[in-house]
Amino acid sequence: MISSQARAPAARITPGLVLHDAGVAEGERFMRLPEVTAVCGMSASSIYDRIRRGDFPKPVPLAGKSVAWLSSEIRQWMQSRIASRRP
């Protein structure tokens, strides 16, 4: 059994944009296609069609054929869509 003194303190997440040494924003994460389709409300084929047209963020290659999208880029895309409907 590990004593409470030997445990590492829990990390605290601070709101806002904080960059680490690797240049990755705190709170940034990868989103796989099922999550992107659920969040955006579009089918996979619609997403890939918009990528081809330059109207959707490109995925980041992970390994082999695996790709994911940056959560910040998906949020920005959604905000731009909302802003475009305002007069």
Protein backbone atom coordinates (compact mmCIF):
# COMPACT_ATOMS: atom_id res chain seq x y z
CA MET A 1 0.00 0.00 0.00
CA ILE A 2 1.25 3.46 -0.90
CA SER A 3 1.14 6.07 1.81
CA SER A 4 -0.57 9.36 1.11
CA GLN A 5 2.80 11.12 1.37
CA ALA A 6 4.25 9.08 -1.53
CA ARG A 7 1.47 9.97 -3.97
CA ALA A 8 2.04 12.69 -6.52
CA PRO A 9 -0.24 15.70 -6.19
CA ALA A 10 -3.14 15.85 -8.64
CA ALA A 11 -2.65 18.17 -11.61
CA ARG A 12 -4.78 21.28 -11.66
CA ILE A 13 -6.34 22.44 -14.90
CA THR A 14 -6.38 26.19 -15.26
CA PRO A 15 -8.97 27.75 -17.57
CA GLY A 16 -7.57 29.54 -20.59
CA LEU A 17 -4.81 28.82 -23.03
CA VAL A 18 -1.57 27.59 -21.47
CA LEU A 19 1.23 26.28 -23.64
CA HIS A 20 3.53 23.54 -22.46
CA ASP A 21 7.13 22.98 -23.56
CA ALA A 22 5.92 20.90 -26.52
CA GLY A 23 3.82 23.82 -27.78
CA VAL A 24 0.54 22.00 -27.14
CA ALA A 25 -2.24 24.01 -25.54
CA GLU A 26 -3.50 22.72 -22.22
CA GLY A 27 -6.96 21.27 -22.76
CA GLU A 28 -6.21 20.58 -26.43
CA ARG A 29 -7.08 17.08 -27.49
CA PHE A 30 -7.61 14.88 -30.50
CA MET A 31 -11.12 14.04 -31.67
CA ARG A 32 -11.70 10.92 -33.74
CA LEU A 33 -14.25 10.86 -36.58
CA PRO A 34 -17.24 9.49 -34.59
CA GLU A 35 -16.90 12.34 -32.10
CA VAL A 36 -16.47 14.95 -34.84
CA THR A 37 -19.60 13.72 -36.63
CA ALA A 38 -21.56 13.80 -33.36
CA VAL A 39 -20.36 17.28 -32.41
CA CYS A 40 -20.79 18.83 -35.86
CA GLY A 41 -23.98 16.99 -36.80
CA MET A 42 -22.62 16.02 -40.21
CA SER A 43 -21.94 12.65 -41.78
CA ALA A 44 -18.39 11.44 -42.41
CA SER A 45 -18.84 11.84 -46.16
CA SER A 46 -19.98 15.45 -45.70
CA ILE A 47 -16.96 16.17 -43.52
CA TYR A 48 -14.53 14.72 -46.07
CA ASP A 49 -16.31 16.59 -48.88
CA ARG A 50 -15.90 19.87 -47.00
CA ILE A 51 -12.22 19.07 -46.37
CA ARG A 52 -11.72 18.61 -50.13
CA ARG A 53 -13.41 21.97 -50.75
CA GLY A 54 -11.28 23.65 -48.07
CA ASP A 55 -14.29 24.35 -45.84
CA PHE A 56 -13.41 22.14 -42.88
CA PRO A 57 -10.25 21.58 -40.80
CA LYS A 58 -7.89 18.92 -42.10
CA PRO A 59 -7.23 15.92 -39.85
CA VAL A 60 -3.88 15.32 -38.17
CA PRO A 61 -2.18 12.02 -39.08
CA LEU A 62 -1.55 9.91 -35.98
CA ALA A 63 -0.14 6.56 -37.10
CA GLY A 64 -0.67 4.49 -40.20
CA LYS A 65 -4.12 5.36 -41.51
CA SER A 66 -5.33 6.78 -38.19
CA VAL A 67 -6.27 10.46 -38.15
CA ALA A 68 -7.90 12.83 -35.68
CA TRP A 69 -8.94 16.46 -35.55
CA LEU A 70 -7.81 19.09 -33.06
CA SER A 71 -10.63 20.06 -30.74
CA SER A 72 -9.67 23.75 -30.98
CA GLU A 73 -9.95 23.71 -34.78
CA ILE A 74 -13.37 22.07 -34.63
CA ARG A 75 -14.53 24.69 -32.10
CA GLN A 76 -13.21 27.50 -34.32
CA TRP A 77 -14.96 26.04 -37.36
CA MET A 78 -18.25 25.82 -35.45
CA GLN A 79 -17.88 29.41 -34.21
CA SER A 80 -17.22 30.62 -37.77
CA ARG A 81 -20.37 28.85 -38.98
CA ILE A 82 -22.40 30.51 -36.22
CA ALA A 83 -20.88 33.91 -36.98
CA SER A 84 -21.64 33.57 -40.72
CA ARG A 85 -25.38 33.40 -40.11
CA ARG A 86 -25.50 36.67 -38.19
CA PRO A 87 -26.43 39.79 -40.18
